[in-house]
Amino acid sequence: MASPCNCIPGCCKKSNPEDGEQELHILADQPPPMGHAADEALPRKDYESLNYDQCANVPYRRMIKRLTEKTFIYQYLLRWIMVGAIGATTGFIAFLIDFVVRRLTDWKFDIVQKYLYMWAPGGNLVLSLLLLAGINAGFALVAAILTAIEPVAAGSGIPEIKCYLNGVKVPHVVRLRTLVSKAVGVLFSVAGGFFVGKEGPMIH
């Protein structure tokens, strides 16, 4: 049966709100995979598929015909402005992360050096090492709290972006709280002495 927009069958089919609930119940009733507990099953209902293809139907072609040359130019310039704004914002965030990491690292070593000179004559070098470990643990705790607040901010973020570009909509992968959690978590992780870099998270 042809669809009302003369496109492929089911392209402009009206959705029923009860279909989503039925699908959710069906997914919930399915047994977990072999070797996985029930609480480890992924919320498959949350991972939707993105459709980047334009449905070239009759209403879409009419809309294209109504566009003027000025509208095309405006959209073209708007795309370049958006790309430039995204690049400038990403560069500013990278500069800010690098600046704060340097400040935190200098502050950490200044504190440790101060107490090292204070405790060295008494032979208490272990206390300075414990102070260094405590500061690093504090930085790591801040990064861990941020990943607990926004779990998708953990890791490099490159697999999530690959999924998103391939048409898989991962929940919360591109929102402001994820950006803030990842940026602040990266600078505290690097300042805390972890073997991590900011190159992967900057791609996210």
N, C-alpha and C. Protein backbone atom coordinates (compact mmCIF):
# COMPACT_ATOMS: atom_id res chain seq x y z
N MET A 1 0.84 -1.20 0.00
CA MET A 1 0.00 0.00 0.00
C MET A 1 0.87 1.24 0.00
N ALA A 2 0.57 2.18 -0.92
CA ALA A 2 1.38 3.39 -1.05
C ALA A 2 1.07 4.33 0.10
N SER A 3 2.09 5.11 0.49
CA SER A 3 1.92 6.06 1.57
C SER A 3 1.34 7.35 1.03
N PRO A 4 0.75 8.23 1.89
CA PRO A 4 0.15 9.48 1.42
C PRO A 4 1.13 10.42 0.75
N CYS A 5 2.42 10.28 1.04
CA CYS A 5 3.39 11.22 0.46
C CYS A 5 4.04 10.66 -0.80
N ASN A 6 3.50 9.55 -1.36
CA ASN A 6 4.05 8.92 -2.57
C ASN A 6 5.50 8.49 -2.38
N CYS A 7 5.87 8.19 -1.15
CA CYS A 7 7.23 7.75 -0.86
C CYS A 7 7.21 6.24 -0.64
N ILE A 8 8.19 5.72 0.02
CA ILE A 8 8.24 4.30 0.28
C ILE A 8 7.15 3.94 1.29
N PRO A 9 6.65 2.71 1.29
CA PRO A 9 5.59 2.34 2.23
C PRO A 9 6.05 2.47 3.67
N GLY A 10 5.20 3.08 4.49
CA GLY A 10 5.51 3.24 5.90
C GLY A 10 6.35 4.44 6.23
N CYS A 11 6.70 5.28 5.22
CA CYS A 11 7.57 6.43 5.48
C CYS A 11 6.85 7.45 6.33
N CYS A 12 5.61 7.77 5.99
CA CYS A 12 4.86 8.80 6.70
C CYS A 12 3.71 8.18 7.49
N LYS A 13 3.92 6.96 7.96
CA LYS A 13 2.88 6.29 8.72
C LYS A 13 2.71 6.95 10.07
N LYS A 14 1.47 7.18 10.46
CA LYS A 14 1.20 7.80 11.75
C LYS A 14 1.50 6.79 12.86
N SER A 15 2.21 7.29 13.86
CA SER A 15 2.61 6.43 14.97
C SER A 15 1.52 6.39 16.03
N ASN A 16 1.40 5.24 16.64
CA ASN A 16 0.44 5.05 17.72
C ASN A 16 1.18 5.11 19.04
N PRO A 17 0.75 5.94 20.00
CA PRO A 17 1.48 6.02 21.27
C PRO A 17 1.54 4.70 22.01
N GLU A 18 0.55 3.82 21.78
CA GLU A 18 0.57 2.56 22.50
C GLU A 18 1.60 1.60 21.94
N ASP A 19 2.07 1.83 20.68
CA ASP A 19 3.04 0.92 20.10
C ASP A 19 4.34 0.93 20.87
N GLY A 20 4.76 2.13 21.30
CA GLY A 20 6.02 2.22 22.05
C GLY A 20 5.94 1.50 23.37
N GLU A 21 4.79 1.60 24.07
CA GLU A 21 4.64 0.90 25.34
C GLU A 21 4.63 -0.61 25.14
N GLN A 22 3.94 -1.06 24.06
CA GLN A 22 3.92 -2.49 23.79
C GLN A 22 5.32 -3.00 23.47
N GLU A 23 6.06 -2.21 22.67
CA GLU A 23 7.42 -2.63 22.33
C GLU A 23 8.31 -2.68 23.57
N LEU A 24 8.11 -1.70 24.47
CA LEU A 24 8.89 -1.68 25.69
C LEU A 24 8.60 -2.90 26.55
N HIS A 25 7.32 -3.29 26.64
CA HIS A 25 6.97 -4.49 27.40
C HIS A 25 7.55 -5.74 26.75
N ILE A 26 7.53 -5.78 25.41
CA ILE A 26 8.10 -6.95 24.72
C ILE A 26 9.58 -7.07 25.01
N LEU A 27 10.30 -5.92 24.95
CA LEU A 27 11.74 -5.96 25.23
C LEU A 27 12.00 -6.35 26.67
N ALA A 28 11.14 -5.87 27.58
CA ALA A 28 11.35 -6.18 28.99
C ALA A 28 11.08 -7.65 29.29
N ASP A 29 10.16 -8.28 28.51
CA ASP A 29 9.81 -9.67 28.76
C ASP A 29 10.80 -10.64 28.16
N GLN A 30 11.67 -10.15 27.28
CA GLN A 30 12.61 -11.05 26.63
C GLN A 30 13.66 -11.51 27.64
N PRO A 31 14.09 -12.76 27.58
CA PRO A 31 15.13 -13.23 28.51
C PRO A 31 16.47 -12.61 28.17
N PRO A 32 17.34 -12.41 29.17
CA PRO A 32 18.66 -11.83 28.91
C PRO A 32 19.52 -12.78 28.10
N PRO A 33 20.55 -12.29 27.41
CA PRO A 33 21.44 -13.16 26.64
C PRO A 33 22.16 -14.14 27.54
N MET A 34 22.71 -15.18 26.92
CA MET A 34 23.43 -16.21 27.66
C MET A 34 24.65 -15.60 28.31
N GLY A 35 24.84 -15.89 29.58
CA GLY A 35 26.01 -15.40 30.29
C GLY A 35 25.83 -14.02 30.87
N HIS A 36 24.66 -13.40 30.77
CA HIS A 36 24.42 -12.06 31.30
C HIS A 36 23.26 -12.13 32.28
N ALA A 37 23.41 -11.40 33.36
CA ALA A 37 22.33 -11.33 34.33
C ALA A 37 21.25 -10.39 33.82
N ALA A 38 20.07 -10.46 34.48
CA ALA A 38 18.95 -9.65 34.03
C ALA A 38 19.22 -8.17 34.23
N ASP A 39 19.95 -7.82 35.30
CA ASP A 39 20.20 -6.40 35.55
C ASP A 39 21.30 -5.84 34.67
N GLU A 40 22.01 -6.68 33.88
CA GLU A 40 23.06 -6.21 33.00
C GLU A 40 22.56 -5.97 31.59
N ALA A 41 21.29 -6.23 31.32
CA ALA A 41 20.76 -6.04 29.98
C ALA A 41 20.70 -4.55 29.65
N LEU A 42 21.12 -4.18 28.45
CA LEU A 42 21.11 -2.78 28.05
C LEU A 42 19.68 -2.29 27.83
N PRO A 43 19.42 -1.03 28.15
CA PRO A 43 18.08 -0.48 27.86
C PRO A 43 17.94 -0.22 26.37
N ARG A 44 17.62 -1.27 25.62
CA ARG A 44 17.64 -1.17 24.17
C ARG A 44 16.61 -0.19 23.63
N LYS A 45 15.58 0.09 24.41
CA LYS A 45 14.57 1.04 23.97
C LYS A 45 15.13 2.45 23.86
N ASP A 46 16.18 2.77 24.66
CA ASP A 46 16.75 4.11 24.66
C ASP A 46 17.68 4.36 23.48
N TYR A 47 18.17 3.30 22.84
CA TYR A 47 19.12 3.47 21.73
C TYR A 47 18.34 3.47 20.43
N GLU A 48 18.04 4.65 19.94
CA GLU A 48 17.25 4.80 18.73
C GLU A 48 18.15 4.91 17.51
N SER A 49 17.56 4.77 16.35
CA SER A 49 18.29 4.86 15.10
C SER A 49 17.99 6.20 14.44
N LEU A 50 19.06 6.87 14.02
CA LEU A 50 18.92 8.15 13.34
C LEU A 50 18.83 7.92 11.84
N ASN A 51 18.01 8.71 11.18
CA ASN A 51 17.83 8.61 9.74
C ASN A 51 18.31 9.90 9.10
N TYR A 52 19.45 9.82 8.43
CA TYR A 52 20.02 11.00 7.79
C TYR A 52 19.51 11.18 6.36
N ASP A 53 18.79 10.21 5.83
CA ASP A 53 18.31 10.30 4.46
C ASP A 53 17.05 11.17 4.40
N GLN A 54 17.00 12.02 3.40
CA GLN A 54 15.83 12.86 3.19
C GLN A 54 14.78 12.10 2.38
N CYS A 55 13.56 12.17 2.86
CA CYS A 55 12.45 11.51 2.17
C CYS A 55 11.98 12.43 1.03
N ALA A 56 12.44 12.16 -0.17
CA ALA A 56 12.14 13.03 -1.31
C ALA A 56 10.73 12.75 -1.83
N ASN A 57 9.74 13.22 -1.09
CA ASN A 57 8.37 13.04 -1.49
C ASN A 57 7.83 14.31 -2.13
N VAL A 58 6.54 14.30 -2.47
CA VAL A 58 5.93 15.45 -3.15
C VAL A 58 5.96 16.72 -2.29
N PRO A 59 5.59 16.68 -0.99
CA PRO A 59 5.67 17.91 -0.19
C PRO A 59 7.09 18.45 -0.07
N TYR A 60 8.09 17.57 -0.01
CA TYR A 60 9.47 18.03 0.07
C TYR A 60 9.89 18.73 -1.22
N ARG A 61 9.49 18.17 -2.37
CA ARG A 61 9.85 18.80 -3.64
C ARG A 61 9.15 20.15 -3.80
N ARG A 62 7.93 20.26 -3.32
CA ARG A 62 7.23 21.55 -3.36
C ARG A 62 7.93 22.58 -2.48
N MET A 63 8.41 22.14 -1.32
CA MET A 63 9.11 23.06 -0.44
C MET A 63 10.41 23.54 -1.07
N ILE A 64 11.11 22.64 -1.79
CA ILE A 64 12.35 23.03 -2.46
C ILE A 64 12.06 24.04 -3.56
N LYS A 65 10.98 23.85 -4.28
CA LYS A 65 10.65 24.79 -5.35
C LYS A 65 10.30 26.17 -4.83
N ARG A 66 9.75 26.25 -3.61
CA ARG A 66 9.38 27.54 -3.05
C ARG A 66 10.58 28.31 -2.50
N LEU A 67 11.70 27.65 -2.34
CA LEU A 67 12.88 28.34 -1.81
C LEU A 67 13.47 29.25 -2.88
N THR A 68 13.86 30.43 -2.45
CA THR A 68 14.48 31.39 -3.36
C THR A 68 16.00 31.28 -3.28
N GLU A 69 16.66 32.02 -4.17
CA GLU A 69 18.13 32.00 -4.17
C GLU A 69 18.69 32.60 -2.89
N LYS A 70 18.02 33.63 -2.37
CA LYS A 70 18.48 34.24 -1.11
C LYS A 70 18.39 33.24 0.05
N THR A 71 17.36 32.41 0.03
CA THR A 71 17.22 31.41 1.09
C THR A 71 18.34 30.39 1.03
N PHE A 72 18.71 29.95 -0.19
CA PHE A 72 19.82 29.01 -0.34
C PHE A 72 21.12 29.63 0.17
N ILE A 73 21.36 30.90 -0.20
CA ILE A 73 22.58 31.58 0.24
C ILE A 73 22.60 31.72 1.77
N TYR A 74 21.43 32.05 2.33
CA TYR A 74 21.34 32.20 3.79
C TYR A 74 21.65 30.88 4.49
N GLN A 75 21.09 29.78 3.99
CA GLN A 75 21.37 28.48 4.60
C GLN A 75 22.83 28.08 4.44
N TYR A 76 23.41 28.41 3.29
CA TYR A 76 24.81 28.08 3.04
C TYR A 76 25.72 28.84 4.01
N LEU A 77 25.47 30.14 4.16
CA LEU A 77 26.27 30.93 5.08
C LEU A 77 26.05 30.50 6.53
N LEU A 78 24.81 30.15 6.86
CA LEU A 78 24.52 29.73 8.23
C LEU A 78 25.27 28.45 8.59
N ARG A 79 25.41 27.55 7.64
CA ARG A 79 26.16 26.32 7.90
C ARG A 79 27.63 26.62 8.18
N TRP A 80 28.22 27.53 7.39
CA TRP A 80 29.62 27.88 7.62
C TRP A 80 29.80 28.61 8.95
N ILE A 81 28.84 29.44 9.30
CA ILE A 81 28.92 30.14 10.59
C ILE A 81 28.85 29.14 11.74
N MET A 82 27.97 28.15 11.61
CA MET A 82 27.86 27.14 12.66
C MET A 82 29.15 26.32 12.77
N VAL A 83 29.73 25.94 11.63
CA VAL A 83 30.98 25.18 11.65
C VAL A 83 32.09 26.01 12.30
N GLY A 84 32.18 27.30 11.93
CA GLY A 84 33.19 28.16 12.53
C GLY A 84 32.98 28.34 14.02
N ALA A 85 31.72 28.49 14.45
CA ALA A 85 31.43 28.66 15.88
C ALA A 85 31.79 27.39 16.66
N ILE A 86 31.49 26.23 16.08
CA ILE A 86 31.83 24.97 16.75
C ILE A 86 33.35 24.83 16.88
N GLY A 87 34.09 25.16 15.82
CA GLY A 87 35.54 25.08 15.88
C GLY A 87 36.14 26.04 16.90
N ALA A 88 35.62 27.29 16.93
CA ALA A 88 36.13 28.27 17.89
C ALA A 88 35.81 27.86 19.32
N THR A 89 34.62 27.33 19.55
CA THR A 89 34.25 26.89 20.90
C THR A 89 35.10 25.71 21.34
N THR A 90 35.34 24.76 20.44
CA THR A 90 36.19 23.62 20.78
C THR A 90 37.61 24.06 21.10
N GLY A 91 38.15 24.99 20.31
CA GLY A 91 39.49 25.50 20.58
C GLY A 91 39.57 26.23 21.91
N PHE A 92 38.54 27.00 22.23
CA PHE A 92 38.53 27.72 23.51
C PHE A 92 38.47 26.75 24.68
N ILE A 93 37.65 25.69 24.56
CA ILE A 93 37.57 24.70 25.64
C ILE A 93 38.91 23.98 25.80
N ALA A 94 39.58 23.65 24.68
CA ALA A 94 40.89 23.00 24.77
C ALA A 94 41.91 23.91 25.44
N PHE A 95 41.90 25.20 25.09
CA PHE A 95 42.80 26.15 25.74
C PHE A 95 42.51 26.27 27.23
N LEU A 96 41.23 26.31 27.58
CA LEU A 96 40.85 26.43 28.99
C LEU A 96 41.28 25.20 29.78
N ILE A 97 41.09 24.01 29.19
CA ILE A 97 41.50 22.78 29.87
C ILE A 97 43.02 22.78 30.09
N ASP A 98 43.78 23.12 29.05
CA ASP A 98 45.23 23.13 29.17
C ASP A 98 45.69 24.16 30.20
N PHE A 99 45.05 25.32 30.23
CA PHE A 99 45.43 26.36 31.18
C PHE A 99 45.16 25.92 32.62
N VAL A 100 43.98 25.35 32.87
CA VAL A 100 43.63 24.92 34.23
C VAL A 100 44.50 23.75 34.66
N VAL A 101 44.82 22.83 33.75
CA VAL A 101 45.69 21.70 34.09
C VAL A 101 47.06 22.19 34.52
N ARG A 102 47.59 23.16 33.80
CA ARG A 102 48.91 23.71 34.18
C ARG A 102 48.84 24.38 35.55
N ARG A 103 47.77 25.13 35.80
CA ARG A 103 47.63 25.81 37.09
C ARG A 103 47.51 24.80 38.23
N LEU A 104 46.69 23.78 38.05
CA LEU A 104 46.52 22.77 39.09
C LEU A 104 47.82 21.99 39.33
N THR A 105 48.53 21.68 38.26
CA THR A 105 49.79 20.94 38.40
C THR A 105 50.83 21.79 39.11
N ASP A 106 50.94 23.08 38.74
CA ASP A 106 51.90 23.97 39.42
C ASP A 106 51.55 24.13 40.90
N TRP A 107 50.25 24.27 41.20
CA TRP A 107 49.84 24.40 42.59
C TRP A 107 50.16 23.14 43.38
N LYS A 108 49.95 21.98 42.77
CA LYS A 108 50.22 20.71 43.44
C LYS A 108 51.70 20.57 43.78
N PHE A 109 52.57 20.84 42.82
CA PHE A 109 53.99 20.67 43.06
C PHE A 109 54.56 21.77 43.95
N ASP A 110 53.98 22.95 43.92
CA ASP A 110 54.42 24.00 44.85
C ASP A 110 54.12 23.61 46.29
N ILE A 111 52.93 23.07 46.53
CA ILE A 111 52.58 22.63 47.88
C ILE A 111 53.49 21.50 48.34
N VAL A 112 53.71 20.52 47.47
CA VAL A 112 54.55 19.39 47.84
C VAL A 112 55.99 19.85 48.07
N GLN A 113 56.50 20.74 47.23
CA GLN A 113 57.86 21.23 47.40
C GLN A 113 58.02 22.02 48.70
N LYS A 114 57.02 22.80 49.04
CA LYS A 114 57.06 23.58 50.27
C LYS A 114 57.20 22.67 51.49
N TYR A 115 56.35 21.65 51.57
CA TYR A 115 56.41 20.76 52.72
C TYR A 115 57.58 19.79 52.63
N LEU A 116 58.08 19.55 51.43
CA LEU A 116 59.27 18.71 51.29
C LEU A 116 60.47 19.38 51.93
N TYR A 117 60.66 20.67 51.66
CA TYR A 117 61.75 21.40 52.29
C TYR A 117 61.55 21.55 53.79
N MET A 118 60.28 21.56 54.22
CA MET A 118 59.99 21.71 55.64
C MET A 118 60.25 20.42 56.40
N TRP A 119 59.90 19.26 55.78
CA TRP A 119 60.01 17.99 56.48
C TRP A 119 61.31 17.24 56.19
N ALA A 120 62.06 17.66 55.15
CA ALA A 120 63.28 16.93 54.79
C ALA A 120 64.33 16.91 55.89
N PRO A 121 64.60 18.04 56.59
CA PRO A 121 65.63 17.97 57.65
C PRO A 121 65.31 16.97 58.75
N GLY A 122 64.06 16.74 59.01
CA GLY A 122 63.69 15.77 60.04
C GLY A 122 63.59 14.35 59.54
N GLY A 123 63.85 14.13 58.26
CA GLY A 123 63.80 12.79 57.68
C GLY A 123 62.39 12.28 57.43
N ASN A 124 61.45 13.19 57.27
CA ASN A 124 60.04 12.80 57.06
C ASN A 124 59.65 12.95 55.59
N LEU A 125 60.45 12.34 54.70
CA LEU A 125 60.13 12.43 53.28
C LEU A 125 58.86 11.66 52.93
N VAL A 126 58.51 10.68 53.74
CA VAL A 126 57.31 9.89 53.46
C VAL A 126 56.06 10.77 53.55
N LEU A 127 56.07 11.76 54.44
CA LEU A 127 54.91 12.62 54.58
C LEU A 127 54.66 13.44 53.32
N SER A 128 55.74 13.89 52.67
CA SER A 128 55.57 14.65 51.43
C SER A 128 55.02 13.77 50.32
N LEU A 129 55.46 12.51 50.29
CA LEU A 129 54.92 11.58 49.29
C LEU A 129 53.44 11.29 49.56
N LEU A 130 53.08 11.15 50.83
CA LEU A 130 51.68 10.94 51.18
C LEU A 130 50.83 12.17 50.83
N LEU A 131 51.41 13.36 50.99
CA LEU A 131 50.69 14.57 50.60
C LEU A 131 50.45 14.61 49.10
N LEU A 132 51.46 14.23 48.31
CA LEU A 132 51.32 14.18 46.86
C LEU A 132 50.24 13.17 46.46
N ALA A 133 50.28 11.99 47.10
CA ALA A 133 49.27 10.98 46.80
C ALA A 133 47.88 11.44 47.21
N GLY A 134 47.76 12.17 48.31
CA GLY A 134 46.47 12.66 48.74
C GLY A 134 45.88 13.69 47.79
N ILE A 135 46.72 14.59 47.28
CA ILE A 135 46.24 15.58 46.32
C ILE A 135 45.79 14.90 45.04
N ASN A 136 46.58 13.94 44.56
CA ASN A 136 46.18 13.20 43.35
C ASN A 136 44.88 12.44 43.57
N ALA A 137 44.73 11.86 44.76
CA ALA A 137 43.50 11.14 45.06
C ALA A 137 42.30 12.10 45.11
N GLY A 138 42.51 13.31 45.61
CA GLY A 138 41.43 14.30 45.62
C GLY A 138 41.01 14.69 44.22
N PHE A 139 41.99 14.91 43.33
CA PHE A 139 41.67 15.22 41.93
C PHE A 139 40.93 14.05 41.28
N ALA A 140 41.38 12.83 41.55
CA ALA A 140 40.72 11.65 40.98
C ALA A 140 39.29 11.51 41.51
N LEU A 141 39.08 11.86 42.77
CA LEU A 141 37.74 11.77 43.34
C LEU A 141 36.78 12.74 42.66
N VAL A 142 37.25 13.94 42.35
CA VAL A 142 36.41 14.90 41.64
C VAL A 142 36.01 14.36 40.26
N ALA A 143 36.98 13.78 39.53
CA ALA A 143 36.68 13.21 38.21
C ALA A 143 35.71 12.03 38.33
N ALA A 144 35.87 11.21 39.38
CA ALA A 144 34.97 10.07 39.55
C ALA A 144 33.55 10.52 39.88
N ILE A 145 33.41 11.56 40.68
CA ILE A 145 32.08 12.08 41.01
C ILE A 145 31.39 12.60 39.75
N LEU A 146 32.14 13.25 38.87
CA LEU A 146 31.55 13.78 37.63
C LEU A 146 31.07 12.66 36.72
N THR A 147 31.83 11.57 36.65
CA THR A 147 31.39 10.44 35.82
C THR A 147 30.21 9.71 36.45
N ALA A 148 30.09 9.79 37.78
CA ALA A 148 28.91 9.22 38.42
C ALA A 148 27.67 10.06 38.14
N ILE A 149 27.86 11.38 38.05
CA ILE A 149 26.73 12.26 37.74
C ILE A 149 26.28 12.06 36.29
N GLU A 150 27.25 11.96 35.37
CA GLU A 150 26.95 11.76 33.95
C GLU A 150 27.79 10.60 33.44
N PRO A 151 27.28 9.35 33.50
CA PRO A 151 28.10 8.18 33.14
C PRO A 151 28.60 8.19 31.71
N VAL A 152 27.86 8.81 30.78
CA VAL A 152 28.30 8.79 29.39
C VAL A 152 29.54 9.65 29.19
N ALA A 153 29.90 10.47 30.17
CA ALA A 153 31.11 11.30 30.08
C ALA A 153 32.37 10.51 30.37
N ALA A 154 32.25 9.28 30.87
CA ALA A 154 33.43 8.46 31.15
C ALA A 154 34.05 7.95 29.85
N GLY A 155 35.35 7.74 29.88
CA GLY A 155 36.04 7.24 28.70
C GLY A 155 36.39 8.35 27.72
N SER A 156 36.90 7.94 26.58
CA SER A 156 37.34 8.92 25.59
C SER A 156 36.18 9.58 24.86
N GLY A 157 35.08 8.86 24.70
CA GLY A 157 33.93 9.40 23.97
C GLY A 157 33.97 9.12 22.48
N ILE A 158 35.08 8.59 21.98
CA ILE A 158 35.19 8.33 20.54
C ILE A 158 34.22 7.22 20.09
N PRO A 159 34.06 6.11 20.83
CA PRO A 159 33.08 5.11 20.39
C PRO A 159 31.66 5.66 20.33
N GLU A 160 31.29 6.51 21.31
CA GLU A 160 29.95 7.09 21.29
C GLU A 160 29.74 7.98 20.07
N ILE A 161 30.76 8.77 19.72
CA ILE A 161 30.65 9.64 18.55
C ILE A 161 30.60 8.81 17.27
N LYS A 162 31.35 7.72 17.20
CA LYS A 162 31.27 6.84 16.03
C LYS A 162 29.87 6.26 15.89
N CYS A 163 29.29 5.85 17.01
CA CYS A 163 27.92 5.33 16.96
C CYS A 163 26.95 6.40 16.49
N TYR A 164 27.11 7.61 17.01
CA TYR A 164 26.19 8.70 16.64
C TYR A 164 26.31 9.03 15.16
N LEU A 165 27.54 9.07 14.62
CA LEU A 165 27.72 9.37 13.20
C LEU A 165 27.26 8.23 12.30
N ASN A 166 27.21 7.02 12.84
CA ASN A 166 26.73 5.87 12.07
C ASN A 166 25.23 5.66 12.20
N GLY A 167 24.55 6.58 12.91
CA GLY A 167 23.10 6.51 12.96
C GLY A 167 22.51 5.93 14.21
N VAL A 168 23.32 5.70 15.26
CA VAL A 168 22.82 5.17 16.52
C VAL A 168 22.78 6.32 17.53
N LYS A 169 21.61 6.63 18.00
CA LYS A 169 21.44 7.74 18.95
C LYS A 169 21.66 7.23 20.37
N VAL A 170 22.85 7.50 20.91
CA VAL A 170 23.16 7.12 22.29
C VAL A 170 22.60 8.20 23.22
N PRO A 171 21.84 7.82 24.24
CA PRO A 171 21.24 8.84 25.12
C PRO A 171 22.29 9.69 25.82
N HIS A 172 22.03 11.01 25.88
CA HIS A 172 22.83 11.99 26.63
C HIS A 172 24.24 12.19 26.08
N VAL A 173 24.51 11.73 24.86
CA VAL A 173 25.89 11.80 24.37
C VAL A 173 26.26 13.21 23.92
N VAL A 174 25.29 13.99 23.50
CA VAL A 174 25.57 15.36 23.05
C VAL A 174 24.64 16.33 23.78
N ARG A 175 24.98 16.62 25.01
CA ARG A 175 24.25 17.64 25.74
C ARG A 175 25.21 18.39 26.64
N LEU A 176 24.75 19.51 27.18
CA LEU A 176 25.63 20.43 27.90
C LEU A 176 26.22 19.80 29.15
N ARG A 177 25.43 19.03 29.89
CA ARG A 177 25.95 18.43 31.12
C ARG A 177 27.05 17.42 30.82
N THR A 178 26.93 16.71 29.70
CA THR A 178 28.00 15.79 29.30
C THR A 178 29.26 16.56 28.95
N LEU A 179 29.12 17.68 28.26
CA LEU A 179 30.28 18.50 27.90
C LEU A 179 31.00 19.01 29.14
N VAL A 180 30.25 19.56 30.09
CA VAL A 180 30.86 20.10 31.30
C VAL A 180 31.51 18.99 32.13
N SER A 181 30.83 17.87 32.27
CA SER A 181 31.38 16.76 33.06
C SER A 181 32.65 16.21 32.43
N LYS A 182 32.65 16.08 31.12
CA LYS A 182 33.84 15.53 30.45
C LYS A 182 35.00 16.51 30.50
N ALA A 183 34.74 17.80 30.26
CA ALA A 183 35.82 18.79 30.25
C ALA A 183 36.45 18.93 31.63
N VAL A 184 35.62 19.07 32.67
CA VAL A 184 36.16 19.21 34.02
C VAL A 184 36.79 17.90 34.49
N GLY A 185 36.18 16.77 34.13
CA GLY A 185 36.76 15.49 34.51
C GLY A 185 38.11 15.25 33.86
N VAL A 186 38.28 15.68 32.61
CA VAL A 186 39.56 15.51 31.93
C VAL A 186 40.65 16.32 32.61
N LEU A 187 40.37 17.58 32.94
CA LEU A 187 41.43 18.39 33.54
C LEU A 187 41.82 17.89 34.93
N PHE A 188 40.87 17.38 35.70
CA PHE A 188 41.22 16.83 37.01
C PHE A 188 41.92 15.48 36.87
N SER A 189 41.57 14.70 35.86
CA SER A 189 42.26 13.42 35.64
C SER A 189 43.71 13.63 35.23
N VAL A 190 43.94 14.58 34.33
CA VAL A 190 45.31 14.86 33.88
C VAL A 190 46.11 15.47 35.02
N ALA A 191 45.51 16.40 35.76
CA ALA A 191 46.22 17.01 36.88
C ALA A 191 46.47 16.03 38.00
N GLY A 192 45.63 15.00 38.10
CA GLY A 192 45.82 13.98 39.12
C GLY A 192 46.88 12.95 38.81
N GLY A 193 47.50 13.02 37.64
CA GLY A 193 48.59 12.13 37.32
C GLY A 193 48.20 10.87 36.56
N PHE A 194 46.96 10.78 36.09
CA PHE A 194 46.56 9.61 35.33
C PHE A 194 47.20 9.63 33.94
N PHE A 195 47.40 8.44 33.39
CA PHE A 195 47.95 8.32 32.05
C PHE A 195 46.82 8.48 31.03
N VAL A 196 46.26 9.65 30.97
CA VAL A 196 45.19 9.96 30.04
C VAL A 196 45.54 11.25 29.32
N GLY A 197 44.88 11.48 28.21
CA GLY A 197 45.08 12.71 27.45
C GLY A 197 43.75 13.35 27.15
N LYS A 198 43.82 14.56 26.65
CA LYS A 198 42.58 15.29 26.33
C LYS A 198 42.25 15.24 24.85
N GLU A 199 43.04 14.51 24.05
CA GLU A 199 42.78 14.49 22.62
C GLU A 199 41.48 13.74 22.29
N GLY A 200 41.31 12.55 22.89
CA GLY A 200 40.09 11.79 22.64
C GLY A 200 38.84 12.48 23.12
N PRO A 201 38.81 12.95 24.39
CA PRO A 201 37.63 13.68 24.84
C PRO A 201 37.33 14.94 24.05
N MET A 202 38.33 15.60 23.47
CA MET A 202 38.07 16.79 22.67
C MET A 202 37.33 16.44 21.40
N ILE A 203 37.51 15.24 20.89
CA ILE A 203 36.72 14.79 19.73
C ILE A 203 35.26 14.68 20.13
N HIS A 204 35.02 14.18 21.33
CA HIS A 204 33.63 14.10 21.82
C HIS A 204 33.08 15.49 22.00
